[in-house]
Protein backbone atom coordinates (compact mmCIF):
# COMPACT_ATOMS: atom_id res chain seq x y z
CA MET A 1 0.00 0.00 0.00
CA ALA A 2 1.31 3.43 -0.90
CA THR A 3 1.02 6.03 1.86
CA ASN A 4 0.91 9.71 1.04
CA ALA A 5 2.44 11.35 4.13
CA GLN A 6 1.57 15.01 4.61
CA PRO A 7 4.06 17.77 5.46
CA ARG A 8 4.45 19.14 8.93
CA HIS A 9 2.39 22.22 8.19
CA ILE A 10 -1.29 21.29 8.31
CA ASN A 11 -2.90 22.74 5.21
CA ARG A 12 -6.67 22.87 5.62
CA SER A 13 -7.32 23.02 1.89
CA GLN A 14 -5.11 19.97 1.25
CA LEU A 15 -6.87 17.98 3.97
CA ARG A 16 -10.24 19.05 2.57
CA LEU A 17 -9.14 17.97 -0.92
CA ALA A 18 -7.92 14.59 0.38
CA LEU A 19 -11.29 13.97 2.06
CA THR A 20 -13.13 14.94 -1.12
CA ASN A 21 -10.97 12.63 -3.24
CA CYS A 22 -11.78 9.77 -0.84
CA ASN A 23 -15.51 10.44 -1.34
CA TYR A 24 -16.28 11.44 2.26
CA GLN A 25 -19.94 12.26 2.75
CA GLN A 26 -19.32 15.25 5.06
CA PRO A 27 -15.81 16.51 4.24
CA ASP A 28 -16.19 19.86 6.05
CA VAL A 29 -17.27 18.31 9.37
CA THR A 30 -14.61 15.59 9.10
CA CYS A 31 -11.92 18.16 8.24
CA ASN A 32 -12.76 20.26 11.32
CA ASP A 33 -12.73 17.19 13.56
CA ILE A 34 -9.32 16.03 12.27
CA LEU A 35 -7.77 19.51 12.52
CA ILE A 36 -8.80 19.80 16.19
CA VAL A 37 -7.07 16.47 16.93
CA LEU A 38 -3.87 17.39 15.01
CA GLU A 39 -3.70 20.74 16.77
CA LYS A 40 -4.08 19.19 20.24
CA TYR A 41 -1.97 16.04 19.69
CA ARG A 42 1.14 17.04 17.74
CA SER A 43 2.48 13.48 17.72
CA LEU A 44 -0.25 12.42 15.28
CA GLN A 45 -0.22 12.93 11.53
CA TYR A 46 -2.79 12.24 8.85
CA SER A 47 -2.38 10.38 5.58
CA THR A 48 -4.48 8.65 2.94
CA GLU A 49 -4.12 4.92 2.44
CA SER A 50 -6.02 2.02 0.94
CA PHE A 51 -7.62 -0.26 3.51
CA VAL A 52 -7.87 -3.94 2.51
CA PHE A 53 -10.98 -5.70 3.74
CA SER A 54 -11.39 -9.37 4.53
CA ASP A 55 -12.88 -10.10 1.11
CA GLY A 56 -9.87 -8.56 -0.67
CA SER A 57 -11.59 -5.32 -1.69
CA CYS A 58 -9.94 -1.95 -1.04
CA LYS A 59 -11.24 1.42 0.09
CA GLU A 60 -9.34 4.69 0.35
CA PHE A 61 -9.55 6.27 3.82
CA VAL A 62 -7.84 9.04 5.78
CA LYS A 63 -6.05 7.75 8.85
CA LEU A 64 -4.41 9.33 11.91
CA GLU A 65 -1.15 7.66 12.92
CA GLY A 66 1.36 8.33 15.66
CA THR A 67 1.49 8.08 19.44
CA ILE A 68 -0.64 9.29 22.33
CA PRO A 69 0.80 10.07 25.79
CA ILE A 70 -0.30 8.13 28.86
CA LYS A 71 0.80 8.13 32.49
CA TYR A 72 1.30 4.72 34.07
CA LYS A 73 2.65 4.24 37.61
CA GLY A 74 4.00 7.79 37.71
CA SER A 75 5.84 7.65 34.36
CA CYS A 76 4.87 9.05 30.97
CA TYR A 77 4.77 6.71 27.97
CA ASN A 78 3.86 6.98 24.29
CA ILE A 79 1.41 4.40 22.90
CA PRO A 80 1.48 3.95 19.10
CA ILE A 81 -2.00 3.91 17.58
CA CYS A 82 -3.68 4.17 14.20
CA ILE A 83 -7.20 5.59 13.67
CA TRP A 84 -8.99 4.98 10.37
CA VAL A 85 -11.65 7.67 9.82
CA MET A 86 -14.70 6.29 7.99
CA ASP A 87 -16.07 7.99 4.87
CA THR A 88 -19.40 8.27 6.72
CA HIS A 89 -17.83 10.24 9.59
CA PRO A 90 -19.22 11.48 11.96
CA ASN A 91 -22.24 9.19 11.60
CA ASN A 92 -20.14 6.05 12.12
CA ALA A 93 -17.32 5.36 14.53
CA PRO A 94 -13.73 5.09 13.27
CA MET A 95 -11.58 1.94 13.43
CA CYS A 96 -8.83 2.04 16.04
CA TYR A 97 -5.72 -0.14 16.28
CA VAL A 98 -2.69 -0.40 18.51
CA LYS A 99 0.47 -0.50 16.32
CA PRO A 100 3.32 -2.03 18.37
CA THR A 101 6.94 -1.68 17.24
CA SER A 102 9.42 -4.52 16.97
CA ASN A 103 10.33 -4.34 20.66
CA MET A 104 6.71 -4.34 21.81
CA SER A 105 3.98 -6.95 22.06
CA ILE A 106 0.22 -6.51 22.36
CA LYS A 107 -1.30 -7.18 25.76
CA VAL A 108 -4.64 -8.80 24.92
CA SER A 109 -7.47 -7.53 27.12
CA LEU A 110 -11.16 -6.68 27.00
CA THR A 111 -10.33 -3.53 25.01
CA VAL A 112 -7.59 -4.81 22.66
CA ASP A 113 -7.56 -8.12 20.77
CA GLY A 114 -4.59 -10.06 19.45
CA ASN A 115 -4.55 -8.08 16.17
CA GLY A 116 -4.39 -4.77 18.00
CA LYS A 117 -7.98 -3.80 17.27
CA ILE A 118 -9.51 -1.61 19.98
CA TYR A 119 -13.00 -2.12 21.42
CA LEU A 120 -14.48 0.58 23.67
CA PRO A 121 -17.97 1.48 24.92
CA TYR A 122 -17.28 4.94 23.49
CA LEU A 123 -17.01 3.37 20.02
CA HIS A 124 -19.93 1.02 20.58
CA ASN A 125 -22.18 3.91 21.71
CA TRP A 126 -20.89 6.31 19.05
CA ALA A 127 -23.49 9.06 18.56
CA PRO A 128 -23.76 11.38 15.54
CA VAL A 129 -23.09 15.08 15.90
CA SER A 130 -26.81 15.85 15.72
CA LYS A 131 -27.53 14.12 19.03
CA ILE A 132 -27.23 15.68 22.46
CA HIS A 133 -24.18 13.64 23.47
CA SER A 134 -22.05 13.89 20.33
CA SER A 135 -18.95 11.78 19.74
CA ASN A 136 -15.81 13.06 18.02
CA LEU A 137 -12.19 12.10 17.42
CA CYS A 138 -10.82 14.31 20.20
CA GLY A 139 -13.12 12.71 22.76
CA LEU A 140 -12.14 9.27 21.45
CA ILE A 141 -8.44 9.95 22.01
CA GLN A 142 -9.13 11.21 25.53
CA VAL A 143 -11.00 7.97 26.29
CA LEU A 144 -8.07 5.97 24.82
CA ILE A 145 -5.62 7.85 27.06
CA MET A 146 -7.71 7.20 30.18
CA THR A 147 -8.24 3.53 29.30
CA PHE A 148 -4.58 2.86 28.45
CA SER A 149 -3.44 4.71 31.58
CA GLU A 150 -5.30 2.10 33.62
CA GLN A 151 -4.04 -0.85 31.57
CA PRO A 152 -1.41 -0.28 28.86
CA PRO A 153 -2.19 -2.21 25.66
CA VAL A 154 1.44 -3.22 25.00
CA TYR A 155 4.35 -4.53 26.98
CA ALA A 156 8.06 -4.82 26.35
CA ASN A 157 9.54 -7.93 24.80
CA LEU A 158 11.91 -9.91 26.98
CA SER A 159 14.83 -8.49 25.05
CA ALA A 160 13.91 -4.96 26.10
CA GLU A 161 14.45 -3.72 29.61
CA GLN A 162 11.42 -1.45 29.77
CA PHE A 163 8.31 -0.53 27.80
CA PRO A 164 6.26 1.51 27.23
CA ILE A 165 9.08 3.83 26.18
CA ALA A 166 9.19 6.78 28.48
CA SER A 167 9.41 10.20 26.92
CA GLY A 168 12.98 10.93 25.87
CA GLN A 169 14.27 7.33 26.46
CA LYS A 170 15.70 4.73 24.07
CA PRO A 171 15.99 1.12 25.26
CA PRO A 172 19.46 -0.39 24.68
CA THR A 173 19.94 -3.83 23.13
CA ALA A 174 22.00 -6.69 24.45
CA ASP A 175 25.16 -5.29 22.85
CA GLY A 176 24.56 -1.85 24.39
CA LYS A 177 23.64 -0.17 21.08
CA SER A 178 20.41 1.54 20.20
CA PRO A 179 17.97 -0.83 18.42
CA GLY A 180 17.08 1.89 15.96
CA TYR A 181 13.96 3.09 17.79
CA PRO A 182 12.69 5.41 16.56
CA THR A 183 13.42 5.74 12.85
CA GLY A 184 10.42 7.73 11.51
CA SER A 185 9.60 11.42 11.93
CA PHE A 186 6.11 12.79 12.53
CA PHE A 187 5.78 16.54 12.90
CA GLY A 188 9.39 16.92 13.96
CA ARG A 189 9.29 14.18 16.63
CA GLN A 190 10.78 10.74 16.24
CA TYR A 191 8.54 7.67 16.20
CA PRO A 192 8.80 4.11 14.97
CA ALA A 193 9.27 3.27 11.33
CA PRO A 194 6.18 2.37 9.23
CA TYR A 195 4.05 -0.24 10.96
CA PRO A 196 3.14 -3.66 9.59
CA PRO A 197 0.06 -3.85 7.33
CA MET A 198 -3.32 -3.62 9.03
CA PRO A 199 -5.31 -6.85 9.38
CA GLY A 200 -8.30 -7.19 7.07
CA PHE A 201 -10.93 -6.02 9.53
CA PRO A 202 -13.94 -4.12 8.17
CA PRO A 203 -14.91 -0.71 9.51
CA TYR A 204 -17.68 -0.26 11.99
CA SER A 205 -21.30 0.04 10.90
CA SER A 206 -22.71 0.69 14.37
CA MET A 207 -19.46 -0.31 16.16
CA PRO A 208 -20.39 -3.84 17.30
CA TYR A 209 -18.44 -5.54 20.02
CA PRO A 210 -16.55 -8.73 19.22
CA GLY A 211 -18.78 -11.71 18.73
CA THR A 212 -21.24 -10.00 16.34
CA THR A 213 -21.49 -9.99 12.58
CA THR A 214 -22.09 -6.93 10.43
CA ASP A 215 -21.62 -5.55 6.93
CA TYR A 216 -20.21 -2.20 5.97
CA THR A 217 -21.77 -0.32 3.05
CA PRO A 218 -19.77 2.77 2.10
CA ALA A 219 -20.98 5.75 0.10
CA GLY A 220 -20.26 3.98 -3.19
CA GLY A 221 -22.75 1.23 -2.36
CA GLN A 222 -20.25 -1.68 -2.28
CA ASN A 223 -20.73 -4.11 0.61
CA PHE A 224 -17.78 -5.31 2.65
CA PRO A 225 -18.83 -8.42 4.61
CA PHE A 226 -17.71 -9.27 8.11
CA PRO A 227 -17.91 -13.05 7.78
CA TYR A 228 -16.47 -14.09 11.08
CA SER A 229 -16.71 -13.31 14.77
CA VAL A 230 -13.89 -12.20 17.03
CA PRO A 231 -14.21 -13.60 20.55
CA TYR A 232 -13.29 -11.57 23.58
CA PRO A 233 -9.67 -12.17 24.54
CA PRO A 234 -8.82 -13.56 27.98
CA ALA A 235 -8.94 -11.10 30.82
CA THR A 236 -5.44 -11.68 32.22
CA GLN A 237 -2.24 -11.26 30.27
CA GLN A 238 1.34 -10.31 30.88
CA SER A 239 2.09 -7.21 32.87
CA PRO A 240 3.11 -4.09 30.93
CA THR A 241 6.78 -4.41 31.90
CA VAL A 242 9.11 -7.23 32.82
CA PRO A 243 11.87 -5.71 34.94
CA ALA A 244 15.36 -7.08 34.50
CA GLY A 245 16.57 -9.44 37.19
CA SER A 246 13.03 -10.32 38.39
CA GLY A 247 13.19 -13.87 37.14
CA GLY A 248 11.49 -13.07 33.82
CA ASN A 249 14.17 -14.95 31.88
CA SER A 250 14.59 -17.87 34.32
CA GLY A 251 11.20 -19.49 33.61
CA THR A 252 10.55 -19.91 37.37
CA ILE A 253 7.19 -18.80 38.78
CA THR A 254 7.81 -16.96 42.04
CA GLU A 255 5.45 -15.66 44.69
CA GLU A 256 5.87 -12.22 43.18
CA HIS A 257 4.63 -13.53 39.84
CA ILE A 258 1.61 -15.19 41.47
CA ARG A 259 0.84 -12.03 43.42
CA ALA A 260 1.11 -9.89 40.29
CA SER A 261 -1.14 -12.32 38.38
CA LEU A 262 -3.76 -12.29 41.13
CA LEU A 263 -3.64 -8.51 41.34
CA SER A 264 -4.01 -8.25 37.55
CA ALA A 265 -6.99 -10.65 37.56
CA LEU A 266 -8.60 -8.73 40.42
CA GLU A 267 -8.04 -5.43 38.64
CA ASP A 268 -9.60 -6.78 35.45
CA LYS A 269 -12.62 -8.11 37.33
CA LEU A 270 -13.12 -4.84 39.19
CA ARG A 271 -12.77 -2.83 36.01
CA ARG A 272 -15.26 -5.08 34.25
CA ARG A 273 -17.80 -4.67 37.04
CA LEU A 274 -17.20 -0.92 37.15
CA ARG A 275 -17.71 -0.68 33.40
CA GLU A 276 -20.96 -2.64 33.62
CA GLN A 277 -22.20 -0.48 36.47
CA PHE A 278 -21.09 2.66 34.66
CA SER A 279 -22.92 1.60 31.49
CA GLN A 280 -26.09 0.87 33.47
CA LEU A 281 -25.93 4.19 35.29
CA GLN A 282 -25.20 5.99 32.05
CA ALA A 283 -28.27 4.40 30.43
CA GLU A 284 -30.43 5.42 33.41
CA LEU A 285 -28.99 8.92 33.26
CA GLU A 286 -29.76 9.11 29.54
CA THR A 287 -33.36 8.06 30.24
CA LEU A 288 -33.67 10.71 32.94
CA ARG A 289 -32.24 13.35 30.64
CA ARG A 290 -34.64 12.37 27.91
CA THR A 291 -37.54 12.56 30.37
CA GLN A 292 -36.31 15.96 31.55
CA GLN A 293 -36.18 17.17 27.96
CA GLU A 294 -39.76 15.97 27.35
CA LEU A 295 -40.94 17.67 30.54
CA THR A 296 -39.17 20.88 29.54
CA ASN A 297 -40.82 20.79 26.12
CA GLY A 298 -44.22 20.10 27.71
CA SER A 299 -43.71 22.98 30.14
CA ALA A 300 -42.94 25.34 27.25
CA GLN A 301 -46.10 24.21 25.41
CA LEU A 302 -48.23 24.71 28.53
CA GLU A 303 -46.75 28.17 29.02
CA ASP A 304 -47.68 29.07 25.43
CA ILE A 305 -51.25 27.82 26.01
CA PHE A 306 -51.51 29.86 29.23
CA ASN A 307 -50.29 32.98 27.43
CA LYS A 308 -52.90 32.51 24.69
CA LEU A 309 -55.65 32.02 27.31
CA ARG A 310 -54.57 35.18 29.15
CA LYS A 311 -54.66 37.14 25.88
CA GLU A 312 -58.12 35.79 24.98
CA LYS A 313 -59.37 36.57 28.50
CA SER A 314 -58.14 40.14 28.17
CA GLU A 315 -59.90 40.55 24.80
CA LEU A 316 -63.13 39.08 26.20
CA GLU A 317 -63.08 41.49 29.14
CA LYS A 318 -62.55 44.37 26.73
CA ASN A 319 -65.48 43.25 24.54
CA ILE A 320 -67.70 42.83 27.62
CA ASN A 321 -66.99 46.43 28.65
CA ILE A 322 -67.86 47.66 25.14
CA LEU A 323 -71.13 45.69 25.13
CA GLN A 324 -72.06 47.07 28.55
CA ASP A 325 -71.50 50.64 27.30
CA LYS A 326 -73.64 50.00 24.21
CA GLU A 327 -76.35 48.42 26.33
CA ALA A 328 -76.43 51.53 28.55
CA GLU A 329 -76.82 53.73 25.46
CA LEU A 330 -79.68 51.57 24.16
CA GLN A 331 -81.44 51.71 27.50
CA LYS A 332 -81.12 55.48 27.48
CA GLU A 333 -82.63 55.76 24.00
CA ILE A 334 -85.45 53.36 24.88
CA SER A 335 -86.32 55.49 27.89
CA LYS A 336 -86.55 58.56 25.64
CA LEU A 337 -88.90 56.79 23.21
CA SER A 338 -91.19 55.64 25.99
CA ASP A 339 -92.05 59.23 26.99
CA ASN A 340 -94.75 59.42 24.19
CA GLN A 341 -93.21 62.45 22.63
CA SER A 342 -94.50 63.35 19.17
CA ILE A 343 -91.86 63.02 16.49
CA ASP A 344 -92.01 65.10 13.29
CA VAL A 345 -90.88 62.84 10.50
CA ASP A 346 -89.84 65.74 8.31
CA GLU A 347 -87.64 67.09 11.09
CA ALA A 348 -86.29 63.68 12.08
CA VAL A 349 -85.06 62.92 8.55
CA THR A 350 -82.61 65.61 7.42
CA THR A 351 -80.10 65.82 4.63
CA ILE A 352 -76.68 67.42 4.51
CA ALA A 353 -76.97 68.95 1.02
CA PRO A 354 -79.76 70.21 -1.35
CA LEU A 355 -78.93 67.47 -3.86
CA TYR A 356 -79.54 64.76 -1.28
CA LYS A 357 -82.77 66.50 -0.20
CA GLN A 358 -83.98 66.50 -3.83
CA MET A 359 -83.13 62.78 -4.10
CA LEU A 360 -85.08 62.10 -0.90
CA ASN A 361 -88.19 63.98 -2.15
CA VAL A 362 -88.03 62.27 -5.56
CA PHE A 363 -87.75 58.86 -3.95
CA ALA A 364 -90.69 59.55 -1.61
CA GLU A 365 -92.91 60.77 -4.49
CA GLU A 366 -91.97 57.82 -6.69
CA ALA A 367 -92.81 55.41 -3.86
CA ALA A 368 -96.18 57.16 -3.37
CA ILE A 369 -96.99 56.81 -7.09
CA GLU A 370 -96.14 53.11 -6.85
CA ASP A 371 -98.65 52.76 -3.99
CA ALA A 372 -101.29 54.73 -5.90
CA ILE A 373 -101.03 52.48 -8.96
CA TYR A 374 -101.37 49.45 -6.68
CA TYR A 375 -104.54 50.71 -5.03
CA LEU A 376 -106.06 51.72 -8.43
CA GLY A 377 -105.59 48.11 -9.52
CA GLU A 378 -107.33 46.92 -6.34
CA GLY A 379 -110.21 49.33 -7.00
CA LEU A 380 -110.60 48.03 -10.55
CA ARG A 381 -110.77 44.44 -9.32
CA GLY A 382 -113.37 45.46 -6.76
CA ASN A 383 -115.50 47.24 -9.40
CA ILE A 384 -115.10 50.50 -7.49
CA ILE A 385 -113.86 52.34 -10.59
CA ASP A 386 -114.42 51.54 -14.22
CA LEU A 387 -111.81 50.61 -16.76
CA ASP A 388 -111.65 53.99 -18.52
CA ALA A 389 -110.97 55.89 -15.30
CA PHE A 390 -108.37 53.29 -14.30
CA LEU A 391 -106.48 53.55 -17.58
CA LYS A 392 -106.55 57.33 -17.57
CA GLN A 393 -105.17 57.63 -14.02
CA VAL A 394 -102.56 54.90 -14.51
CA ARG A 395 -101.35 56.58 -17.72
CA GLN A 396 -100.85 59.90 -15.92
CA LEU A 397 -99.19 58.33 -12.87
CA SER A 398 -96.87 56.18 -15.00
CA ARG A 399 -95.75 59.22 -17.00
CA ARG A 400 -94.96 61.05 -13.74
CA GLN A 401 -93.18 57.96 -12.32
CA PHE A 402 -91.00 57.73 -15.43
CA MET A 403 -89.95 61.36 -15.06
CA LEU A 404 -89.20 60.90 -11.36
CA ARG A 405 -87.06 57.85 -12.03
CA ALA A 406 -85.08 59.67 -14.71
CA LEU A 407 -84.57 62.57 -12.30
CA MET A 408 -83.43 60.11 -9.57
CA LEU A 409 -80.88 58.59 -11.92
CA ARG A 410 -79.57 62.02 -12.85
CA CYS A 411 -79.22 63.02 -9.19
CA ARG A 412 -77.37 59.81 -8.35
CA GLN A 413 -74.94 60.41 -11.21
CA LYS A 414 -74.38 63.95 -10.02
CA ALA A 415 -73.72 62.78 -6.47
CA GLY A 416 -71.30 60.11 -7.69
CA LEU A 417 -73.41 57.24 -6.40
CA VAL A 418 -73.49 55.39 -9.73
CA GLY A 419 -70.41 53.31 -10.64
């Protein structure tokens, strides 16, 4: 596999272009996440490399490679790791591996298997950025540091006097010369030469723990099967260091070895129980937080309903006051009408202009003619008047009605009442 190592200066545009060339679904979010990690952990560098899956297919990914600092028994050590960032980041968790050098060996535990693959609850419960408790690469590295500070994932080979390598130290070989560690350079600091090829493990779909089976479907739509299960490794392994002169090369099991083994087994059991209890409490806490969020949302909705009811109540009170005032006015007018005062119709109906007064008189006369024609027809049917008198009067009244209607139309046009 050809690795394209990047220069020491972190160029945002180059990283963004590398993510785009690898067909990442959210290159901007992934770029920001990687830049935060590279800025905080200078011992890591990014590169693009083809990852070979178990079925022989390849996929181009961006990976973070280097060391992370831990503190174990009062000393600082550098743990070599490799993080493969998925093309669906941040929706899916990355793949994490421990990359031991030639003078190191992997300490198999509940979090690291024999191939160096890392299993953590943080990866298993990886949450997208859109959720309340978001997961990111920086938080992942912090969890790795805390986990490895409790139980380092590697230990020194018997030929080395001490590992993990403390900061600024180089373990001598049997002939007193440096074994060549380190030989590579990441961001100006020396680290081991390129690591052996990664095992053909598929990336995480929802980050299953060992013992499950899953398939990974990248953005291109090609499936990468996970055809086998990886069992949990045994809980107890070798201690992180084998001090010189402690009987490590004699093959004899001493009381100190038995005591260390028992302590290691007890530590693993306690850690396992603590992790189980922590996971249970975390799930309960998540349920309580979700309930709190629902109650908060319900409280906001109730507050909105109360505000609307207060506003409607205020409007109703205002309308009631208006109706009471109108009712008082009506009662006052009714009391005036009940005094039997004579009302002059001509004085009660007034106009504001001579034109409107003319229209009123014309309308009243035309209505009177209409009534007169009606009663003439009733008189004819009752044989009160004869036909000749009826026709003569109706002819005269109709001619007058026609003139009044023409005058009414002219007045309305003059007053601007006709569209």
